[in-house]
Amino acid sequence: MGEEVIPKSRCPTCFGDSFHKDYDTGEIICNKCGRVVDETDRVSHEREWRDFGDEESRERDRAGPPKTILVPDKGFPTVIRGSKSDARGKDLSPSVSEQMTRLAKIQRQSNYPERSLYLAITILRRAANNLSLSKGTVEVAAKGLEEAITAGLAKGRKMEALVGAAIYQASRISGNFREYKKIARVLGITKKEIQKTDRLIRNALNKQVPLSQPEFLMSQFGERLEIFPTIVNLGIRIIRTIASEQSGKIMLSGKDPRSWAGSGLYMACLVSGNSITQKQIADVIQITEVTLRNRCKDLVGKIDITIEI
């Protein structure tokens, strides 16, 4: 409701006689100087009840959680069940009971995207816990699943493979990278199934997924190799220093970011005196020692240090 002029005695500050009422707050305000001359009708936006614990507060809340794609039906599903009795337990006539059974069957058949998405989200939630994915990454993966299922890409395929591909793409988009092999192990399928489904989704939806940045991968690889965080940070600084130059950006592009992450870690270990071998890094990152050695030589040519590789 808008503002309204209220008849009132003169304002004690400016002696004006024109007022209006703010219906959001319940205050009567002077139009000339802005003084609040009356707030007897002031509206309280606070709760009218008290609680003495989280559980009691949840029971008295009148608003639910915000909308999220992780709840496909928004918490209000429509379910038609074939039944021989109504809500009061009264028996239905044979014709009405047959009609309800037919409607339930039609709903189950026509509700394909919602049912499939509900199953996919359930699998996604379970996998996200095991992979320690952030909430943002999970929501990106859920959005990807919704797009793929709506496009009909789930028909005739394993839902785990579809979920694995969505997780892989979301991890690349959000910078919280997870490898095919690790995702496949959590979902109980093969790495090849996820790769095949990933390519299918990208081609069918014309989806562009950015390459993972080497500095985002270093923390994960450093943790697996049990390298001190200070050494990992040194490797990240080396890569970022090179990436800050135009020639460095050209050099880093077009090659596997895992190889650059591994070479940055190896060089940081050499500078810090950490006796880690190229084979140890290559085995963890799943690249060859030759590839790692070549990337290290490229980095040495770009920074002002001398390292024997």
Protein backbone atom coordinates (compact mmCIF):
# COMPACT_ATOMS: atom_id res chain seq x y z
CA MET A 1 0.00 0.00 0.00
CA GLY A 2 1.32 3.49 -0.81
CA GLU A 3 1.82 6.50 1.40
CA GLU A 4 -1.17 8.54 2.57
CA VAL A 5 -1.50 12.07 3.98
CA ILE A 6 -2.75 11.91 7.59
CA PRO A 7 -4.48 14.86 9.34
CA LYS A 8 -2.38 15.78 12.35
CA SER A 9 -1.54 18.67 14.68
CA ARG A 10 1.55 20.71 13.90
CA CYS A 11 5.05 19.19 13.93
CA PRO A 12 6.96 20.10 17.13
CA THR A 13 10.16 20.71 15.11
CA CYS A 14 9.18 22.74 12.02
CA PHE A 15 5.50 23.42 12.91
CA GLY A 16 4.44 21.92 9.61
CA ASP A 17 0.93 20.47 9.26
CA SER A 18 1.46 17.95 6.41
CA PHE A 19 2.14 14.35 7.31
CA HIS A 20 2.17 10.92 5.72
CA LYS A 21 2.09 7.37 7.04
CA ASP A 22 4.68 4.74 6.12
CA TYR A 23 2.71 1.50 6.06
CA ASP A 24 5.88 -0.61 6.06
CA THR A 25 6.95 0.68 9.48
CA GLY A 26 3.67 2.13 10.87
CA GLU A 27 5.28 5.57 11.42
CA ILE A 28 3.68 8.99 10.81
CA ILE A 29 6.28 11.32 9.30
CA CYS A 30 6.37 15.07 8.75
CA ASN A 31 6.54 15.92 5.03
CA LYS A 32 8.56 19.08 5.66
CA CYS A 33 11.39 18.02 7.99
CA GLY A 34 11.06 14.22 8.04
CA ARG A 35 10.56 13.89 11.78
CA VAL A 36 8.68 10.84 13.06
CA VAL A 37 5.88 12.41 15.03
CA ASP A 38 4.00 9.23 15.91
CA GLU A 39 4.99 5.56 15.94
CA THR A 40 2.21 4.03 17.99
CA ASP A 41 1.30 1.88 15.00
CA ARG A 42 4.89 0.81 14.46
CA VAL A 43 5.10 -2.63 12.85
CA SER A 44 7.44 -5.14 14.46
CA HIS A 45 9.23 -7.39 12.00
CA GLU A 46 10.54 -9.61 14.78
CA ARG A 47 9.16 -13.02 15.68
CA GLU A 48 6.23 -12.99 18.09
CA TRP A 49 7.52 -16.16 19.78
CA ARG A 50 10.64 -17.27 21.57
CA ASP A 51 12.56 -20.49 21.25
CA PHE A 52 15.06 -22.18 23.53
CA GLY A 53 16.91 -24.43 21.11
CA ASP A 54 17.52 -25.22 17.45
CA GLU A 55 14.94 -27.99 17.36
CA GLU A 56 12.21 -25.79 18.83
CA SER A 57 13.12 -23.01 16.39
CA ARG A 58 12.81 -25.37 13.40
CA GLU A 59 9.40 -26.55 14.59
CA ARG A 60 8.07 -22.97 14.80
CA ASP A 61 9.58 -21.65 11.58
CA ARG A 62 6.96 -20.82 8.98
CA ALA A 63 9.36 -20.69 6.03
CA GLY A 64 11.30 -23.57 4.57
CA PRO A 65 14.77 -23.64 3.01
CA PRO A 66 15.47 -21.69 -0.20
CA LYS A 67 14.81 -23.29 -3.58
CA THR A 68 17.60 -25.45 -4.85
CA ILE A 69 18.11 -27.61 -7.90
CA LEU A 70 19.13 -30.44 -5.57
CA VAL A 71 15.40 -30.91 -4.86
CA PRO A 72 13.98 -31.56 -8.36
CA ASP A 73 10.29 -31.33 -7.40
CA LYS A 74 10.91 -28.38 -5.01
CA GLY A 75 9.61 -30.55 -2.18
CA PHE A 76 6.03 -30.65 -3.52
CA PRO A 77 5.66 -33.78 -5.67
CA THR A 78 2.37 -34.71 -7.32
CA VAL A 79 1.70 -38.42 -6.93
CA ILE A 80 -1.35 -40.27 -8.24
CA ARG A 81 -1.77 -43.72 -6.76
CA GLY A 82 -4.19 -46.34 -8.01
CA SER A 83 -6.43 -47.15 -5.06
CA LYS A 84 -9.72 -48.83 -4.26
CA SER A 85 -10.61 -46.34 -1.51
CA ASP A 86 -10.61 -42.58 -1.07
CA ALA A 87 -8.83 -40.48 1.61
CA ARG A 88 -11.54 -41.28 4.16
CA GLY A 89 -11.28 -45.00 3.57
CA LYS A 90 -14.56 -45.23 1.68
CA ASP A 91 -14.58 -47.81 -1.12
CA LEU A 92 -14.57 -46.42 -4.64
CA SER A 93 -16.79 -47.75 -7.37
CA PRO A 94 -15.09 -50.17 -9.80
CA SER A 95 -15.19 -47.60 -12.62
CA VAL A 96 -13.58 -44.86 -10.52
CA SER A 97 -10.97 -47.25 -9.14
CA GLU A 98 -10.07 -48.36 -12.66
CA GLN A 99 -9.83 -44.73 -13.76
CA MET A 100 -7.45 -43.86 -10.87
CA THR A 101 -5.26 -46.85 -11.72
CA ARG A 102 -5.12 -45.72 -15.35
CA LEU A 103 -4.22 -42.14 -14.33
CA ALA A 104 -1.43 -43.42 -12.04
CA LYS A 105 0.02 -45.45 -14.90
CA ILE A 106 -0.10 -42.45 -17.26
CA GLN A 107 1.66 -40.26 -14.69
CA ARG A 108 4.45 -42.80 -14.18
CA GLN A 109 5.03 -43.01 -17.91
CA SER A 110 4.81 -39.26 -18.63
CA ASN A 111 6.92 -38.17 -15.67
CA TYR A 112 10.22 -39.49 -17.10
CA PRO A 113 12.48 -36.40 -16.67
CA GLU A 114 11.45 -35.79 -13.07
CA ARG A 115 11.83 -39.42 -12.01
CA SER A 116 15.19 -39.76 -13.72
CA LEU A 117 16.46 -36.48 -12.27
CA TYR A 118 15.37 -37.54 -8.78
CA LEU A 119 17.36 -40.78 -9.13
CA ALA A 120 20.38 -38.93 -10.56
CA ILE A 121 20.37 -36.36 -7.74
CA THR A 122 20.26 -39.18 -5.16
CA ILE A 123 23.33 -40.80 -6.73
CA LEU A 124 25.02 -37.40 -7.01
CA ARG A 125 24.54 -36.60 -3.32
CA ARG A 126 26.06 -39.93 -2.27
CA ALA A 127 29.04 -39.53 -4.61
CA ALA A 128 29.57 -35.90 -3.56
CA ASN A 129 30.07 -36.95 0.06
CA ASN A 130 32.69 -39.53 -0.89
CA LEU A 131 34.49 -37.11 -3.24
CA SER A 132 34.34 -34.18 -0.76
CA LEU A 133 32.78 -31.87 -3.34
CA SER A 134 31.79 -28.33 -2.43
CA LYS A 135 28.14 -27.28 -2.49
CA GLY A 136 28.75 -25.06 -5.52
CA THR A 137 30.30 -27.94 -7.48
CA VAL A 138 27.37 -30.22 -6.61
CA GLU A 139 24.85 -27.61 -7.79
CA VAL A 140 26.74 -27.16 -11.09
CA ALA A 141 26.71 -30.94 -11.56
CA ALA A 142 22.97 -31.07 -10.78
CA LYS A 143 22.31 -28.37 -13.37
CA GLY A 144 24.29 -30.37 -15.93
CA LEU A 145 22.27 -33.48 -15.08
CA GLU A 146 19.01 -31.60 -15.56
CA GLU A 147 20.11 -30.40 -19.01
CA ALA A 148 21.25 -33.88 -20.07
CA ILE A 149 18.12 -35.67 -18.83
CA THR A 150 15.79 -33.06 -20.36
CA ALA A 151 17.58 -33.63 -23.68
CA GLY A 152 16.86 -37.36 -23.37
CA LEU A 153 20.48 -38.44 -22.95
CA ALA A 154 19.73 -40.71 -19.99
CA LYS A 155 17.65 -43.19 -21.96
CA GLY A 156 19.44 -46.50 -22.45
CA ARG A 157 22.46 -45.47 -20.38
CA LYS A 158 23.71 -46.07 -16.86
CA MET A 159 22.66 -43.28 -14.55
CA GLU A 160 25.99 -43.64 -12.71
CA ALA A 161 27.86 -42.85 -15.94
CA LEU A 162 25.70 -39.76 -16.50
CA VAL A 163 26.32 -38.60 -12.92
CA GLY A 164 30.06 -39.27 -13.26
CA ALA A 165 30.28 -37.17 -16.42
CA ALA A 166 28.33 -34.34 -14.75
CA ILE A 167 30.66 -34.42 -11.73
CA TYR A 168 33.75 -34.37 -13.95
CA GLN A 169 32.48 -31.39 -15.96
CA ALA A 170 31.38 -29.51 -12.81
CA SER A 171 34.75 -30.10 -11.15
CA ARG A 172 36.49 -28.57 -14.18
CA ILE A 173 34.12 -25.58 -14.24
CA SER A 174 34.39 -24.86 -10.50
CA GLY A 175 38.14 -25.50 -10.24
CA ASN A 176 37.58 -28.35 -7.76
CA PHE A 177 39.09 -30.93 -10.12
CA ARG A 178 38.38 -34.66 -9.77
CA GLU A 179 39.86 -37.28 -12.08
CA TYR A 180 37.92 -39.83 -14.13
CA LYS A 181 39.50 -42.69 -12.23
CA LYS A 182 38.56 -41.39 -8.79
CA ILE A 183 34.97 -40.61 -9.82
CA ALA A 184 34.61 -44.05 -11.44
CA ARG A 185 35.87 -45.79 -8.30
CA VAL A 186 33.30 -44.00 -6.12
CA LEU A 187 30.40 -44.72 -8.51
CA GLY A 188 31.41 -48.35 -9.08
CA ILE A 189 31.78 -48.09 -12.87
CA THR A 190 34.70 -47.98 -15.28
CA LYS A 191 36.65 -44.91 -16.28
CA LYS A 192 35.85 -45.59 -19.94
CA GLU A 193 32.08 -45.37 -19.31
CA ILE A 194 32.42 -41.88 -17.81
CA GLN A 195 34.69 -40.70 -20.64
CA LYS A 196 32.25 -41.95 -23.27
CA THR A 197 29.27 -40.28 -21.57
CA ASP A 198 31.25 -37.07 -21.08
CA ARG A 199 31.97 -36.86 -24.82
CA LEU A 200 28.33 -37.63 -25.61
CA ILE A 201 27.04 -34.78 -23.41
CA ARG A 202 29.51 -32.28 -24.80
CA ASN A 203 28.68 -33.14 -28.41
CA ALA A 204 24.91 -33.35 -27.94
CA LEU A 205 24.59 -30.10 -25.95
CA ASN A 206 27.52 -28.31 -27.60
CA LYS A 207 28.93 -27.79 -24.12
CA GLN A 208 32.29 -26.09 -23.58
CA VAL A 209 34.17 -27.19 -20.45
CA PRO A 210 37.30 -25.19 -19.52
CA LEU A 211 40.61 -26.90 -18.92
CA SER A 212 41.72 -27.19 -15.31
CA GLN A 213 44.32 -24.66 -14.23
CA PRO A 214 47.66 -26.17 -13.11
CA GLU A 215 47.71 -24.19 -9.87
CA PHE A 216 44.34 -25.67 -8.85
CA LEU A 217 45.71 -29.18 -9.35
CA MET A 218 48.91 -28.65 -7.38
CA SER A 219 47.22 -28.69 -3.97
CA GLN A 220 45.59 -32.05 -4.69
CA PHE A 221 48.77 -33.59 -6.09
CA GLY A 222 50.89 -32.12 -3.30
CA GLU A 223 48.61 -33.70 -0.70
CA ARG A 224 48.90 -37.12 -2.33
CA LEU A 225 52.68 -36.82 -2.56
CA GLU A 226 52.86 -35.57 1.07
CA ILE A 227 54.72 -32.42 0.03
CA PHE A 228 54.82 -29.54 2.51
CA PRO A 229 52.33 -26.72 1.75
CA THR A 230 55.18 -24.17 1.57
CA ILE A 231 56.76 -26.14 -1.29
CA VAL A 232 53.37 -26.44 -3.04
CA ASN A 233 52.90 -22.67 -2.73
CA LEU A 234 56.34 -22.15 -4.29
CA GLY A 235 55.32 -24.32 -7.26
CA ILE A 236 52.10 -22.33 -7.65
CA ARG A 237 54.08 -19.06 -7.67
CA ILE A 238 56.37 -20.45 -10.39
CA ILE A 239 53.43 -21.34 -12.63
CA ARG A 240 51.62 -18.04 -11.98
CA THR A 241 54.76 -16.04 -12.72
CA ILE A 242 55.06 -17.70 -16.11
CA ALA A 243 51.31 -17.40 -16.81
CA SER A 244 51.47 -13.65 -16.14
CA GLU A 245 53.42 -13.14 -19.39
CA GLN A 246 51.87 -13.42 -22.82
CA SER A 247 54.53 -15.84 -24.06
CA GLY A 248 54.03 -17.92 -20.93
CA LYS A 249 50.26 -18.14 -21.55
CA ILE A 250 50.92 -19.39 -25.08
CA MET A 251 53.36 -21.98 -23.76
CA LEU A 252 50.94 -23.26 -21.09
CA SER A 253 47.96 -23.52 -23.43
CA GLY A 254 47.31 -26.63 -25.48
CA LYS A 255 49.08 -29.08 -23.14
CA ASP A 256 47.80 -31.26 -20.32
CA PRO A 257 47.52 -29.07 -17.18
CA ARG A 258 48.51 -32.09 -15.08
CA SER A 259 51.95 -32.09 -16.69
CA TRP A 260 52.45 -28.40 -15.86
CA ALA A 261 51.27 -28.97 -12.29
CA GLY A 262 53.69 -31.88 -11.91
CA SER A 263 56.61 -29.93 -13.37
CA GLY A 264 55.88 -26.97 -11.10
CA LEU A 265 55.87 -29.26 -8.06
CA TYR A 266 59.07 -31.01 -9.15
CA MET A 267 60.93 -27.74 -9.66
CA ALA A 268 59.71 -26.39 -6.32
CA CYS A 269 60.95 -29.58 -4.63
CA LEU A 270 64.38 -29.23 -6.26
CA VAL A 271 64.69 -25.60 -5.18
CA SER A 272 63.60 -26.50 -1.63
CA GLY A 273 65.89 -29.51 -1.37
CA ASN A 274 63.08 -32.08 -1.25
CA SER A 275 64.37 -35.42 -2.55
CA ILE A 276 61.38 -36.48 -4.59
CA THR A 277 61.85 -38.31 -7.88
CA GLN A 278 60.26 -37.70 -11.25
CA LYS A 279 58.88 -41.23 -11.19
CA GLN A 280 57.02 -40.59 -7.91
CA ILE A 281 55.34 -37.49 -9.32
CA ALA A 282 54.61 -39.08 -12.71
CA ASP A 283 52.98 -42.12 -11.07
CA VAL A 284 50.68 -40.02 -8.90
CA ILE A 285 49.74 -37.57 -11.68
CA GLN A 286 49.43 -40.43 -14.20
CA ILE A 287 51.73 -39.02 -16.89
CA THR A 288 55.00 -40.35 -18.28
CA GLU A 289 58.41 -39.34 -16.95
CA VAL A 290 59.34 -38.11 -20.45
CA THR A 291 56.38 -35.72 -20.49
CA LEU A 292 57.25 -34.46 -17.00
CA ARG A 293 60.89 -33.93 -17.98
CA ASN A 294 59.95 -32.01 -21.14
CA ARG A 295 57.60 -29.69 -19.23
CA CYS A 296 60.34 -29.04 -16.65
CA LYS A 297 62.76 -28.05 -19.43
CA ASP A 298 60.15 -25.65 -20.81
CA LEU A 299 59.73 -24.04 -17.39
CA VAL A 300 63.48 -23.72 -16.80
CA GLY A 301 63.78 -21.74 -20.03
CA LYS A 302 61.18 -19.25 -18.76
CA ILE A 303 62.46 -18.49 -15.26
CA ASP A 304 65.74 -17.06 -14.02
CA ILE A 305 67.04 -20.10 -12.12
CA THR A 306 69.45 -22.90 -12.93
CA ILE A 307 68.24 -26.43 -12.25
CA GLU A 308 69.75 -29.70 -13.35
CA ILE A 309 66.95 -31.96 -14.60
